[in-house]
Amino acid sequence: MKVLRHHVYEYQKGIRHLVLHTSSVNFEKEIVKLLEKKNVDYFIQRFSDQKINVFFGDRKCISVLKRIGQKNLSEFTDEEDFMLGIMLGYDTLKQCERYLKRKNTNLAAEAVA
């Protein structure tokens, strides 16, 4: 919860527009309570029986994630993965490299099939 509180602090100070926080499902109620108390928009995605991804931040960013849908991060298209990385504030050049690597790998796999 200490890391979550720090992420909330960074969001409220404008350092980040969107945060991804992974946690145990055991903390879900406590996380929701904190985010609602701080009036922060959020979107929770379960990816296993034990783990959740909590996205929180600017309402527009959360709206984009909700439109992408309730799928695991591993199921994101190359473009969705790229967009999420940029929204989370990851290094732009590294995201470009990641996108190109994923795209080339997927194109090669399609050519074999």
PDB file of N, CA and C in Angstrom:
ATOM      1  N   MET A   1       0.824  -1.196   0.000  1.00  0.00           N
ATOM      2  CA  MET A   1       0.000   0.000   0.000  1.00  0.00           C
ATOM      3  C   MET A   1       0.868   1.260   0.000  1.00  0.00           C
ATOM      4  N   LYS A   2       2.081   1.134   0.484  1.00  0.00           N
ATOM      5  CA  LYS A   2       2.976   2.290   0.512  1.00  0.00           C
ATOM      6  C   LYS A   2       3.300   2.747  -0.910  1.00  0.00           C
ATOM      7  N   VAL A   3       3.560   1.788  -1.794  1.00  0.00           N
ATOM      8  CA  VAL A   3       3.858   2.113  -3.191  1.00  0.00           C
ATOM      9  C   VAL A   3       2.623   2.733  -3.850  1.00  0.00           C
ATOM     10  N   LEU A   4       1.453   2.188  -3.576  1.00  0.00           N
ATOM     11  CA  LEU A   4       0.216   2.732  -4.128  1.00  0.00           C
ATOM     12  C   LEU A   4       0.047   4.192  -3.699  1.00  0.00           C
ATOM     13  N   ARG A   5       0.235   4.461  -2.439  1.00  0.00           N
ATOM     14  CA  ARG A   5       0.098   5.841  -1.950  1.00  0.00           C
ATOM     15  C   ARG A   5       1.089   6.774  -2.651  1.00  0.00           C
ATOM     16  N   HIS A   6       2.290   6.273  -2.902  1.00  0.00           N
ATOM     17  CA  HIS A   6       3.280   7.076  -3.619  1.00  0.00           C
ATOM     18  C   HIS A   6       2.823   7.333  -5.055  1.00  0.00           C
ATOM     19  N   HIS A   7       2.263   6.325  -5.704  1.00  0.00           N
ATOM     20  CA  HIS A   7       1.735   6.506  -7.059  1.00  0.00           C
ATOM     21  C   HIS A   7       0.607   7.542  -7.072  1.00  0.00           C
ATOM     22  N   VAL A   8      -0.267   7.490  -6.086  1.00  0.00           N
ATOM     23  CA  VAL A   8      -1.359   8.469  -5.989  1.00  0.00           C
ATOM     24  C   VAL A   8      -0.767   9.871  -5.823  1.00  0.00           C
ATOM     25  N   TYR A   9       0.238   9.990  -4.989  1.00  0.00           N
ATOM     26  CA  TYR A   9       0.912  11.273  -4.780  1.00  0.00           C
ATOM     27  C   TYR A   9       1.473  11.804  -6.107  1.00  0.00           C
ATOM     28  N   GLU A  10       2.162  10.937  -6.859  1.00  0.00           N
ATOM     29  CA  GLU A  10       2.729  11.356  -8.139  1.00  0.00           C
ATOM     30  C   GLU A  10       1.635  11.793  -9.118  1.00  0.00           C
ATOM     31  N   TYR A  11       0.530  11.074  -9.124  1.00  0.00           N
ATOM     32  CA  TYR A  11      -0.586  11.456  -9.996  1.00  0.00           C
ATOM     33  C   TYR A  11      -1.125  12.824  -9.583  1.00  0.00           C
ATOM     34  N   GLN A  12      -1.358  13.012  -8.309  1.00  0.00           N
ATOM     35  CA  GLN A  12      -1.936  14.266  -7.831  1.00  0.00           C
ATOM     36  C   GLN A  12      -0.998  15.460  -8.051  1.00  0.00           C
ATOM     37  N   LYS A  13       0.295  15.217  -8.091  1.00  0.00           N
ATOM     38  CA  LYS A  13       1.274  16.287  -8.339  1.00  0.00           C
ATOM     39  C   LYS A  13       1.496  16.527  -9.828  1.00  0.00           C
ATOM     40  N   GLY A  14       0.845  15.729 -10.685  1.00  0.00           N
ATOM     41  CA  GLY A  14       0.957  15.921 -12.124  1.00  0.00           C
ATOM     42  C   GLY A  14       2.174  15.262 -12.755  1.00  0.00           C
ATOM     43  N   ILE A  15       2.863  14.421 -12.006  1.00  0.00           N
ATOM     44  CA  ILE A  15       4.032  13.730 -12.544  1.00  0.00           C
ATOM     45  C   ILE A  15       3.605  12.662 -13.545  1.00  0.00           C
ATOM     46  N   ARG A  16       2.465  12.049 -13.281  1.00  0.00           N
ATOM     47  CA  ARG A  16       1.916  11.009 -14.150  1.00  0.00           C
ATOM     48  C   ARG A  16       0.456  11.326 -14.443  1.00  0.00           C
ATOM     49  N   HIS A  17       0.011  10.937 -15.649  1.00  0.00           N
ATOM     50  CA  HIS A  17      -1.409  11.072 -15.999  1.00  0.00           C
ATOM     51  C   HIS A  17      -2.134   9.748 -15.828  1.00  0.00           C
ATOM     52  N   LEU A  18      -1.355   8.665 -15.866  1.00  0.00           N
ATOM     53  CA  LEU A  18      -1.919   7.328 -15.730  1.00  0.00           C
ATOM     54  C   LEU A  18      -0.912   6.454 -14.999  1.00  0.00           C
ATOM     55  N   VAL A  19      -1.422   5.630 -14.107  1.00  0.00           N
ATOM     56  CA  VAL A  19      -0.578   4.735 -13.313  1.00  0.00           C
ATOM     57  C   VAL A  19      -1.117   3.321 -13.437  1.00  0.00           C
ATOM     58  N   LEU A  20      -0.212   2.361 -13.520  1.00  0.00           N
ATOM     59  CA  LEU A  20      -0.556   0.940 -13.453  1.00  0.00           C
ATOM     60  C   LEU A  20       0.062   0.395 -12.180  1.00  0.00           C
ATOM     61  N   HIS A  21      -0.788  -0.120 -11.300  1.00  0.00           N
ATOM     62  CA  HIS A  21      -0.329  -0.690 -10.034  1.00  0.00           C
ATOM     63  C   HIS A  21      -0.841  -2.127  -9.955  1.00  0.00           C
ATOM     64  N   THR A  22       0.051  -3.074  -9.797  1.00  0.00           N
ATOM     65  CA  THR A  22      -0.326  -4.480  -9.665  1.00  0.00           C
ATOM     66  C   THR A  22      -0.353  -4.842  -8.193  1.00  0.00           C
ATOM     67  N   SER A  23      -1.403  -5.569  -7.792  1.00  0.00           N
ATOM     68  CA  SER A  23      -1.572  -5.878  -6.376  1.00  0.00           C
ATOM     69  C   SER A  23      -2.274  -7.220  -6.198  1.00  0.00           C
ATOM     70  N   SER A  24      -2.258  -7.673  -4.971  1.00  0.00           N
ATOM     71  CA  SER A  24      -3.018  -8.860  -4.589  1.00  0.00           C
ATOM     72  C   SER A  24      -4.500  -8.492  -4.523  1.00  0.00           C
ATOM     73  N   VAL A  25      -5.357  -9.449  -4.891  1.00  0.00           N
ATOM     74  CA  VAL A  25      -6.801  -9.211  -4.786  1.00  0.00           C
ATOM     75  C   VAL A  25      -7.209  -8.926  -3.340  1.00  0.00           C
ATOM     76  N   ASN A  26      -6.398  -9.347  -2.395  1.00  0.00           N
ATOM     77  CA  ASN A  26      -6.708  -9.112  -0.982  1.00  0.00           C
ATOM     78  C   ASN A  26      -6.757  -7.629  -0.626  1.00  0.00           C
ATOM     79  N   PHE A  27      -6.099  -6.796  -1.412  1.00  0.00           N
ATOM     80  CA  PHE A  27      -6.059  -5.360  -1.132  1.00  0.00           C
ATOM     81  C   PHE A  27      -7.053  -4.558  -1.960  1.00  0.00           C
ATOM     82  N   GLU A  28      -7.847  -5.227  -2.785  1.00  0.00           N
ATOM     83  CA  GLU A  28      -8.728  -4.516  -3.713  1.00  0.00           C
ATOM     84  C   GLU A  28      -9.666  -3.536  -3.003  1.00  0.00           C
ATOM     85  N   LYS A  29     -10.329  -3.956  -1.949  1.00  0.00           N
ATOM     86  CA  LYS A  29     -11.268  -3.069  -1.248  1.00  0.00           C
ATOM     87  C   LYS A  29     -10.561  -1.857  -0.667  1.00  0.00           C
ATOM     88  N   GLU A  30      -9.394  -2.073  -0.118  1.00  0.00           N
ATOM     89  CA  GLU A  30      -8.613  -0.978   0.467  1.00  0.00           C
ATOM     90  C   GLU A  30      -8.157  -0.003  -0.626  1.00  0.00           C
ATOM     91  N   ILE A  31      -7.781  -0.535  -1.771  1.00  0.00           N
ATOM     92  CA  ILE A  31      -7.338   0.300  -2.898  1.00  0.00           C
ATOM     93  C   ILE A  31      -8.499   1.148  -3.401  1.00  0.00           C
ATOM     94  N   VAL A  32      -9.649   0.518  -3.604  1.00  0.00           N
ATOM     95  CA  VAL A  32     -10.831   1.235  -4.079  1.00  0.00           C
ATOM     96  C   VAL A  32     -11.210   2.336  -3.081  1.00  0.00           C
ATOM     97  N   LYS A  33     -11.182   2.018  -1.816  1.00  0.00           N
ATOM     98  CA  LYS A  33     -11.529   3.001  -0.780  1.00  0.00           C
ATOM     99  C   LYS A  33     -10.595   4.207  -0.858  1.00  0.00           C
ATOM    100  N   LEU A  34      -9.288   3.968  -0.994  1.00  0.00           N
ATOM    101  CA  LEU A  34      -8.319   5.059  -1.074  1.00  0.00           C
ATOM    102  C   LEU A  34      -8.548   5.913  -2.319  1.00  0.00           C
ATOM    103  N   LEU A  35      -8.702   5.264  -3.484  1.00  0.00           N
ATOM    104  CA  LEU A  35      -8.876   6.012  -4.730  1.00  0.00           C
ATOM    105  C   LEU A  35     -10.165   6.816  -4.731  1.00  0.00           C
ATOM    106  N   GLU A  36     -11.228   6.243  -4.194  1.00  0.00           N
ATOM    107  CA  GLU A  36     -12.492   6.974  -4.134  1.00  0.00           C
ATOM    108  C   GLU A  36     -12.405   8.131  -3.142  1.00  0.00           C
ATOM    109  N   LYS A  37     -11.721   7.921  -2.027  1.00  0.00           N
ATOM    110  CA  LYS A  37     -11.530   8.995  -1.043  1.00  0.00           C
ATOM    111  C   LYS A  37     -10.762  10.162  -1.670  1.00  0.00           C
ATOM    112  N   LYS A  38      -9.774   9.841  -2.520  1.00  0.00           N
ATOM    113  CA  LYS A  38      -8.956  10.868  -3.170  1.00  0.00           C
ATOM    114  C   LYS A  38      -9.602  11.380  -4.459  1.00  0.00           C
ATOM    115  N   ASN A  39     -10.778  10.846  -4.797  1.00  0.00           N
ATOM    116  CA  ASN A  39     -11.523  11.237  -5.999  1.00  0.00           C
ATOM    117  C   ASN A  39     -10.698  11.015  -7.275  1.00  0.00           C
ATOM    118  N   VAL A  40     -10.102   9.827  -7.363  1.00  0.00           N
ATOM    119  CA  VAL A  40      -9.267   9.459  -8.500  1.00  0.00           C
ATOM    120  C   VAL A  40      -9.993   8.397  -9.317  1.00  0.00           C
ATOM    121  N   ASP A  41     -10.099   8.628 -10.625  1.00  0.00           N
ATOM    122  CA  ASP A  41     -10.715   7.637 -11.510  1.00  0.00           C
ATOM    123  C   ASP A  41      -9.826   6.411 -11.613  1.00  0.00           C
ATOM    124  N   TYR A  42     -10.458   5.244 -11.720  1.00  0.00           N
ATOM    125  CA  TYR A  42      -9.692   3.996 -11.776  1.00  0.00           C
ATOM    126  C   TYR A  42     -10.421   2.946 -12.586  1.00  0.00           C
ATOM    127  N   PHE A  43      -9.671   1.920 -12.924  1.00  0.00           N
ATOM    128  CA  PHE A  43     -10.171   0.780 -13.680  1.00  0.00           C
ATOM    129  C   PHE A  43      -9.403  -0.434 -13.180  1.00  0.00           C
ATOM    130  N   ILE A  44     -10.112  -1.439 -12.686  1.00  0.00           N
ATOM    131  CA  ILE A  44      -9.457  -2.626 -12.139  1.00  0.00           C
ATOM    132  C   ILE A  44      -9.648  -3.793 -13.095  1.00  0.00           C
ATOM    133  N   GLN A  45      -8.561  -4.482 -13.331  1.00  0.00           N
ATOM    134  CA  GLN A  45      -8.553  -5.613 -14.251  1.00  0.00           C
ATOM    135  C   GLN A  45      -7.966  -6.820 -13.528  1.00  0.00           C
ATOM    136  N   ARG A  46      -8.742  -7.875 -13.406  1.00  0.00           N
ATOM    137  CA  ARG A  46      -8.239  -9.110 -12.798  1.00  0.00           C
ATOM    138  C   ARG A  46      -7.477  -9.891 -13.857  1.00  0.00           C
ATOM    139  N   PHE A  47      -6.291 -10.362 -13.498  1.00  0.00           N
ATOM    140  CA  PHE A  47      -5.574 -11.186 -14.472  1.00  0.00           C
ATOM    141  C   PHE A  47      -5.244 -12.560 -13.922  1.00  0.00           C
ATOM    142  N   SER A  48      -5.619 -12.826 -12.680  1.00  0.00           N
ATOM    143  CA  SER A  48      -5.536 -14.171 -12.122  1.00  0.00           C
ATOM    144  C   SER A  48      -6.423 -14.204 -10.885  1.00  0.00           C
ATOM    145  N   ASP A  49      -6.510 -15.352 -10.268  1.00  0.00           N
ATOM    146  CA  ASP A  49      -7.308 -15.454  -9.044  1.00  0.00           C
ATOM    147  C   ASP A  49      -6.690 -14.664  -7.896  1.00  0.00           C
ATOM    148  N   GLN A  50      -5.404 -14.392  -8.012  1.00  0.00           N
ATOM    149  CA  GLN A  50      -4.680 -13.746  -6.908  1.00  0.00           C
ATOM    150  C   GLN A  50      -4.239 -12.315  -7.185  1.00  0.00           C
ATOM    151  N   LYS A  51      -4.231 -11.889  -8.447  1.00  0.00           N
ATOM    152  CA  LYS A  51      -3.647 -10.591  -8.807  1.00  0.00           C
ATOM    153  C   LYS A  51      -4.613  -9.714  -9.600  1.00  0.00           C
ATOM    154  N   ILE A  52      -4.470  -8.406  -9.380  1.00  0.00           N
ATOM    155  CA  ILE A  52      -5.226  -7.417 -10.139  1.00  0.00           C
ATOM    156  C   ILE A  52      -4.278  -6.336 -10.639  1.00  0.00           C
ATOM    157  N   ASN A  53      -4.648  -5.754 -11.762  1.00  0.00           N
ATOM    158  CA  ASN A  53      -3.998  -4.542 -12.245  1.00  0.00           C
ATOM    159  C   ASN A  53      -4.952  -3.396 -11.969  1.00  0.00           C
ATOM    160  N   VAL A  54      -4.446  -2.373 -11.305  1.00  0.00           N
ATOM    161  CA  VAL A  54      -5.247  -1.199 -11.011  1.00  0.00           C
ATOM    162  C   VAL A  54      -4.675  -0.050 -11.842  1.00  0.00           C
ATOM    163  N   PHE A  55      -5.461   0.413 -12.787  1.00  0.00           N
ATOM    164  CA  PHE A  55      -5.095   1.590 -13.564  1.00  0.00           C
ATOM    165  C   PHE A  55      -5.814   2.762 -12.926  1.00  0.00           C
ATOM    166  N   PHE A  56      -5.114   3.847 -12.696  1.00  0.00           N
ATOM    167  CA  PHE A  56      -5.795   5.029 -12.194  1.00  0.00           C
ATOM    168  C   PHE A  56      -5.113   6.286 -12.704  1.00  0.00           C
ATOM    169  N   GLY A  57      -5.918   7.350 -12.752  1.00  0.00           N
ATOM    170  CA  GLY A  57      -5.387   8.613 -13.237  1.00  0.00           C
ATOM    171  C   GLY A  57      -6.455   9.454 -13.895  1.00  0.00           C
ATOM    172  N   ASP A  58      -6.034  10.189 -14.908  1.00  0.00           N
ATOM    173  CA  ASP A  58      -6.917  11.111 -15.607  1.00  0.00           C
ATOM    174  C   ASP A  58      -8.106  10.370 -16.222  1.00  0.00           C
ATOM    175  N   ARG A  59      -9.260  10.982 -16.119  1.00  0.00           N
ATOM    176  CA  ARG A  59     -10.512  10.376 -16.599  1.00  0.00           C
ATOM    177  C   ARG A  59     -10.422   9.994 -18.080  1.00  0.00           C
ATOM    178  N   LYS A  60      -9.773  10.819 -18.895  1.00  0.00           N
ATOM    179  CA  LYS A  60      -9.665  10.511 -20.332  1.00  0.00           C
ATOM    180  C   LYS A  60      -8.829   9.249 -20.561  1.00  0.00           C
ATOM    181  N   CYS A  61      -7.756   9.098 -19.806  1.00  0.00           N
ATOM    182  CA  CYS A  61      -6.914   7.900 -19.935  1.00  0.00           C
ATOM    183  C   CYS A  61      -7.689   6.646 -19.529  1.00  0.00           C
ATOM    184  N   ILE A  62      -8.433   6.749 -18.456  1.00  0.00           N
ATOM    185  CA  ILE A  62      -9.234   5.613 -17.988  1.00  0.00           C
ATOM    186  C   ILE A  62     -10.299   5.268 -19.025  1.00  0.00           C
ATOM    187  N   SER A  63     -10.892   6.278 -19.650  1.00  0.00           N
ATOM    188  CA  SER A  63     -11.901   6.035 -20.692  1.00  0.00           C
ATOM    189  C   SER A  63     -11.308   5.276 -21.869  1.00  0.00           C
ATOM    190  N   VAL A  64     -10.083   5.630 -22.264  1.00  0.00           N
ATOM    191  CA  VAL A  64      -9.417   4.914 -23.357  1.00  0.00           C
ATOM    192  C   VAL A  64      -9.235   3.450 -22.981  1.00  0.00           C
ATOM    193  N   LEU A  65      -8.753   3.201 -21.768  1.00  0.00           N
ATOM    194  CA  LEU A  65      -8.541   1.807 -21.330  1.00  0.00           C
ATOM    195  C   LEU A  65      -9.839   1.019 -21.312  1.00  0.00           C
ATOM    196  N   LYS A  66     -10.905   1.630 -20.871  1.00  0.00           N
ATOM    197  CA  LYS A  66     -12.194   0.934 -20.837  1.00  0.00           C
ATOM    198  C   LYS A  66     -12.671   0.596 -22.242  1.00  0.00           C
ATOM    199  N   ARG A  67     -12.357   1.442 -23.212  1.00  0.00           N
ATOM    200  CA  ARG A  67     -12.762   1.167 -24.594  1.00  0.00           C
ATOM    201  C   ARG A  67     -11.935   0.043 -25.204  1.00  0.00           C
ATOM    202  N   ILE A  68     -10.678  -0.071 -24.775  1.00  0.00           N
ATOM    203  CA  ILE A  68      -9.851  -1.182 -25.256  1.00  0.00           C
ATOM    204  C   ILE A  68     -10.453  -2.495 -24.773  1.00  0.00           C
ATOM    205  N   GLY A  69     -10.964  -2.499 -23.540  1.00  0.00           N
ATOM    206  CA  GLY A  69     -11.701  -3.655 -23.070  1.00  0.00           C
ATOM    207  C   GLY A  69     -11.053  -4.400 -21.926  1.00  0.00           C
ATOM    208  N   GLN A  70     -11.768  -5.396 -21.488  1.00  0.00           N
ATOM    209  CA  GLN A  70     -11.379  -6.207 -20.330  1.00  0.00           C
ATOM    210  C   GLN A  70     -10.554  -7.405 -20.764  1.00  0.00           C
ATOM    211  N   LYS A  71      -9.436  -7.172 -21.385  1.00  0.00           N
ATOM    212  CA  LYS A  71      -8.585  -8.291 -21.766  1.00  0.00           C
ATOM    213  C   LYS A  71      -7.249  -8.163 -21.044  1.00  0.00           C
ATOM    214  N   ASN A  72      -6.588  -9.287 -20.892  1.00  0.00           N
ATOM    215  CA  ASN A  72      -5.285  -9.286 -20.240  1.00  0.00           C
ATOM    216  C   ASN A  72      -4.292  -8.475 -21.070  1.00  0.00           C
ATOM    217  N   LEU A  73      -3.318  -7.896 -20.397  1.00  0.00           N
ATOM    218  CA  LEU A  73      -2.301  -7.108 -21.092  1.00  0.00           C
ATOM    219  C   LEU A  73      -1.578  -7.941 -22.140  1.00  0.00           C
ATOM    220  N   SER A  74      -1.424  -9.229 -21.896  1.00  0.00           N
ATOM    221  CA  SER A  74      -0.739 -10.106 -22.856  1.00  0.00           C
ATOM    222  C   SER A  74      -1.550 -10.297 -24.136  1.00  0.00           C
ATOM    223  N   GLU A  75      -2.832  -9.941 -24.099  1.00  0.00           N
ATOM    224  CA  GLU A  75      -3.692 -10.073 -25.268  1.00  0.00           C
ATOM    225  C   GLU A  75      -3.809  -8.782 -26.069  1.00  0.00           C
ATOM    226  N   PHE A  76      -3.152  -7.715 -25.616  1.00  0.00           N
ATOM    227  CA  PHE A  76      -3.200  -6.453 -26.338  1.00  0.00           C
ATOM    228  C   PHE A  76      -2.557  -6.613 -27.707  1.00  0.00           C
ATOM    229  N   THR A  77      -3.120  -5.936 -28.690  1.00  0.00           N
ATOM    230  CA  THR A  77      -2.478  -5.896 -29.995  1.00  0.00           C
ATOM    231  C   THR A  77      -1.170  -5.110 -29.858  1.00  0.00           C
ATOM    232  N   ASP A  78      -0.350  -5.186 -30.865  1.00  0.00           N
ATOM    233  CA  ASP A  78       0.907  -4.426 -30.840  1.00  0.00           C
ATOM    234  C   ASP A  78       0.625  -2.932 -30.673  1.00  0.00           C
ATOM    235  N   GLU A  79      -0.412  -2.460 -31.344  1.00  0.00           N
ATOM    236  CA  GLU A  79      -0.756  -1.044 -31.281  1.00  0.00           C
ATOM    237  C   GLU A  79      -1.294  -0.659 -29.902  1.00  0.00           C
ATOM    238  N   GLU A  80      -2.129  -1.502 -29.325  1.00  0.00           N
ATOM    239  CA  GLU A  80      -2.657  -1.222 -27.986  1.00  0.00           C
ATOM    240  C   GLU A  80      -1.538  -1.228 -26.944  1.00  0.00           C
ATOM    241  N   ASP A  81      -0.626  -2.165 -27.064  1.00  0.00           N
ATOM    242  CA  ASP A  81       0.517  -2.246 -26.162  1.00  0.00           C
ATOM    243  C   ASP A  81       1.359  -0.972 -26.260  1.00  0.00           C
ATOM    244  N   PHE A  82       1.611  -0.524 -27.480  1.00  0.00           N
ATOM    245  CA  PHE A  82       2.383   0.697 -27.704  1.00  0.00           C
ATOM    246  C   PHE A  82       1.685   1.897 -27.065  1.00  0.00           C
ATOM    247  N   MET A  83       0.397   2.018 -27.346  1.00  0.00           N
ATOM    248  CA  MET A  83      -0.378   3.141 -26.830  1.00  0.00           C
ATOM    249  C   MET A  83      -0.390   3.155 -25.298  1.00  0.00           C
ATOM    250  N   LEU A  84      -0.564   2.003 -24.684  1.00  0.00           N
ATOM    251  CA  LEU A  84      -0.576   1.930 -23.227  1.00  0.00           C
ATOM    252  C   LEU A  84       0.772   2.359 -22.654  1.00  0.00           C
ATOM    253  N   GLY A  85       1.854   1.887 -23.247  1.00  0.00           N
ATOM    254  CA  GLY A  85       3.177   2.269 -22.771  1.00  0.00           C
ATOM    255  C   GLY A  85       3.390   3.770 -22.823  1.00  0.00           C
ATOM    256  N   ILE A  86       2.967   4.383 -23.914  1.00  0.00           N
ATOM    257  CA  ILE A  86       3.099   5.836 -24.053  1.00  0.00           C
ATOM    258  C   ILE A  86       2.231   6.534 -23.011  1.00  0.00           C
ATOM    259  N   MET A  87       0.998   6.055 -22.820  1.00  0.00           N
ATOM    260  CA  MET A  87       0.097   6.664 -21.829  1.00  0.00           C
ATOM    261  C   MET A  87       0.662   6.563 -20.410  1.00  0.00           C
ATOM    262  N   LEU A  88       1.370   5.467 -20.139  1.00  0.00           N
ATOM    263  CA  LEU A  88       1.954   5.287 -18.804  1.00  0.00           C
ATOM    264  C   LEU A  88       3.239   6.099 -18.619  1.00  0.00           C
ATOM    265  N   GLY A  89       3.696   6.741 -19.690  1.00  0.00           N
ATOM    266  CA  GLY A  89       4.873   7.595 -19.588  1.00  0.00           C
ATOM    267  C   GLY A  89       6.186   6.869 -19.774  1.00  0.00           C
ATOM    268  N   TYR A  90       6.133   5.677 -20.355  1.00  0.00           N
ATOM    269  CA  TYR A  90       7.369   4.943 -20.609  1.00  0.00           C
ATOM    270  C   TYR A  90       8.176   5.670 -21.679  1.00  0.00           C
ATOM    271  N   ASP A  91       9.462   5.423 -21.703  1.00  0.00           N
ATOM    272  CA  ASP A  91      10.371   6.042 -22.654  1.00  0.00           C
ATOM    273  C   ASP A  91       9.880   5.823 -24.081  1.00  0.00           C
ATOM    274  N   THR A  92       9.711   6.911 -24.815  1.00  0.00           N
ATOM    275  CA  THR A  92       9.141   6.848 -26.158  1.00  0.00           C
ATOM    276  C   THR A  92       9.986   6.004 -27.109  1.00  0.00           C
ATOM    277  N   LEU A  93      11.292   6.205 -27.095  1.00  0.00           N
ATOM    278  CA  LEU A  93      12.143   5.433 -27.993  1.00  0.00           C
ATOM    279  C   LEU A  93      12.109   3.947 -27.664  1.00  0.00           C
ATOM    280  N   LYS A  94      12.100   3.615 -26.377  1.00  0.00           N
ATOM    281  CA  LYS A  94      12.022   2.200 -25.996  1.00  0.00           C
ATOM    282  C   LYS A  94      10.677   1.612 -26.393  1.00  0.00           C
ATOM    283  N   GLN A  95       9.622   2.401 -26.306  1.00  0.00           N
ATOM    284  CA  GLN A  95       8.308   1.907 -26.735  1.00  0.00           C
ATOM    285  C   GLN A  95       8.299   1.677 -28.240  1.00  0.00           C
ATOM    286  N   CYS A  96       8.960   2.551 -28.991  1.00  0.00           N
ATOM    287  CA  CYS A  96       9.056   2.353 -30.441  1.00  0.00           C
ATOM    288  C   CYS A  96       9.823   1.066 -30.748  1.00  0.00           C
ATOM    289  N   GLU A  97      10.926   0.853 -30.059  1.00  0.00           N
ATOM    290  CA  GLU A  97      11.705  -0.375 -30.245  1.00  0.00           C
ATOM    291  C   GLU A  97      10.861  -1.599 -29.898  1.00  0.00           C
ATOM    292  N   ARG A  98      10.130  -1.525 -28.780  1.00  0.00           N
ATOM    293  CA  ARG A  98       9.279  -2.649 -28.358  1.00  0.00           C
ATOM    294  C   ARG A  98       8.210  -2.936 -29.410  1.00  0.00           C
ATOM    295  N   TYR A  99       7.585  -1.873 -29.911  1.00  0.00           N
ATOM    296  CA  TYR A  99       6.551  -2.031 -30.925  1.00  0.00           C
ATOM    297  C   TYR A  99       7.107  -2.704 -32.173  1.00  0.00           C
ATOM    298  N   LEU A 100       8.243  -2.200 -32.665  1.00  0.00           N
ATOM    299  CA  LEU A 100       8.831  -2.765 -33.869  1.00  0.00           C
ATOM    300  C   LEU A 100       9.230  -4.226 -33.677  1.00  0.00           C
ATOM    301  N   LYS A 101       9.776  -4.540 -32.520  1.00  0.00           N
ATOM    302  CA  LYS A 101      10.159  -5.923 -32.230  1.00  0.00           C
ATOM    303  C   LYS A 101       8.927  -6.831 -32.206  1.00  0.00           C
ATOM    304  N   ARG A 102       7.869  -6.384 -31.509  1.00  0.00           N
ATOM    305  CA  ARG A 102       6.634  -7.177 -31.453  1.00  0.00           C
ATOM    306  C   ARG A 102       6.040  -7.341 -32.837  1.00  0.00           C
ATOM    307  N   LYS A 103       6.001  -6.254 -33.598  1.00  0.00           N
ATOM    308  CA  LYS A 103       5.405  -6.278 -34.922  1.00  0.00           C
ATOM    309  C   LYS A 103       6.177  -7.219 -35.849  1.00  0.00           C
ATOM    310  N   ASN A 104       7.503  -7.135 -35.809  1.00  0.00           N
ATOM    311  CA  ASN A 104       8.316  -8.024 -36.643  1.00  0.00           C
ATOM    312  C   ASN A 104       8.145  -9.481 -36.247  1.00  0.00           C
ATOM    313  N   THR A 105       8.081  -9.751 -34.944  1.00  0.00           N
ATOM    314  CA  THR A 105       7.876 -11.119 -34.462  1.00  0.00           C
ATOM    315  C   THR A 105       6.513 -11.644 -34.919  1.00  0.00           C
ATOM    316  N   ASN A 106       5.486 -10.825 -34.796  1.00  0.00           N
ATOM    317  CA  ASN A 106       4.145 -11.244 -35.198  1.00  0.00           C
ATOM    318  C   ASN A 106       4.037 -11.419 -36.717  1.00  0.00           C
ATOM    319  N   LEU A 107       4.691 -10.557 -37.473  1.00  0.00           N
ATOM    320  CA  LEU A 107       4.665 -10.708 -38.941  1.00  0.00           C
ATOM    321  C   LEU A 107       5.378 -11.982 -39.369  1.00  0.00           C
ATOM    322  N   ALA A 108       6.496 -12.276 -38.693  1.00  0.00           N
ATOM    323  CA  ALA A 108       7.241 -13.501 -39.011  1.00  0.00           C
ATOM    324  C   ALA A 108       6.406 -14.738 -38.679  1.00  0.00           C
ATOM    325  N   ALA A 109       5.686 -14.697 -37.554  1.00  0.00           N
ATOM    326  CA  ALA A 109       4.842 -15.824 -37.162  1.00  0.00           C
ATOM    327  C   ALA A 109       3.689 -16.010 -38.152  1.00  0.00           C
ATOM    328  N   GLU A 110       3.122 -14.915 -38.659  1.00  0.00           N
ATOM    329  CA  GLU A 110       2.044 -14.996 -39.629  1.00  0.00           C
ATOM    330  C   GLU A 110       2.554 -15.579 -40.952  1.00  0.00           C
ATOM    331  N   ALA A 111       3.774 -15.238 -41.328  1.00  0.00           N
ATOM    332  CA  ALA A 111       4.340 -15.732 -42.590  1.00  0.00           C
ATOM    333  C   ALA A 111       4.563 -17.246 -42.544  1.00  0.00           C
ATOM    334  N   VAL A 112       4.881 -17.751 -41.366  1.00  0.00           N
ATOM    335  CA  VAL A 112       5.120 -19.190 -41.187  1.00  0.00           C
ATOM    336  C   VAL A 112       3.790 -19.939 -41.238  1.00  0.00           C
ATOM    337  N   ALA A 113       2.751 -19.352 -40.686  1.00  0.00           N
ATOM    338  CA  ALA A 113       1.443 -20.031 -40.582  1.00  0.00           C
ATOM    339  C   ALA A 113       0.723 -20.173 -41.874  1.00  0.00           C
TER     340      ALA A 113
END
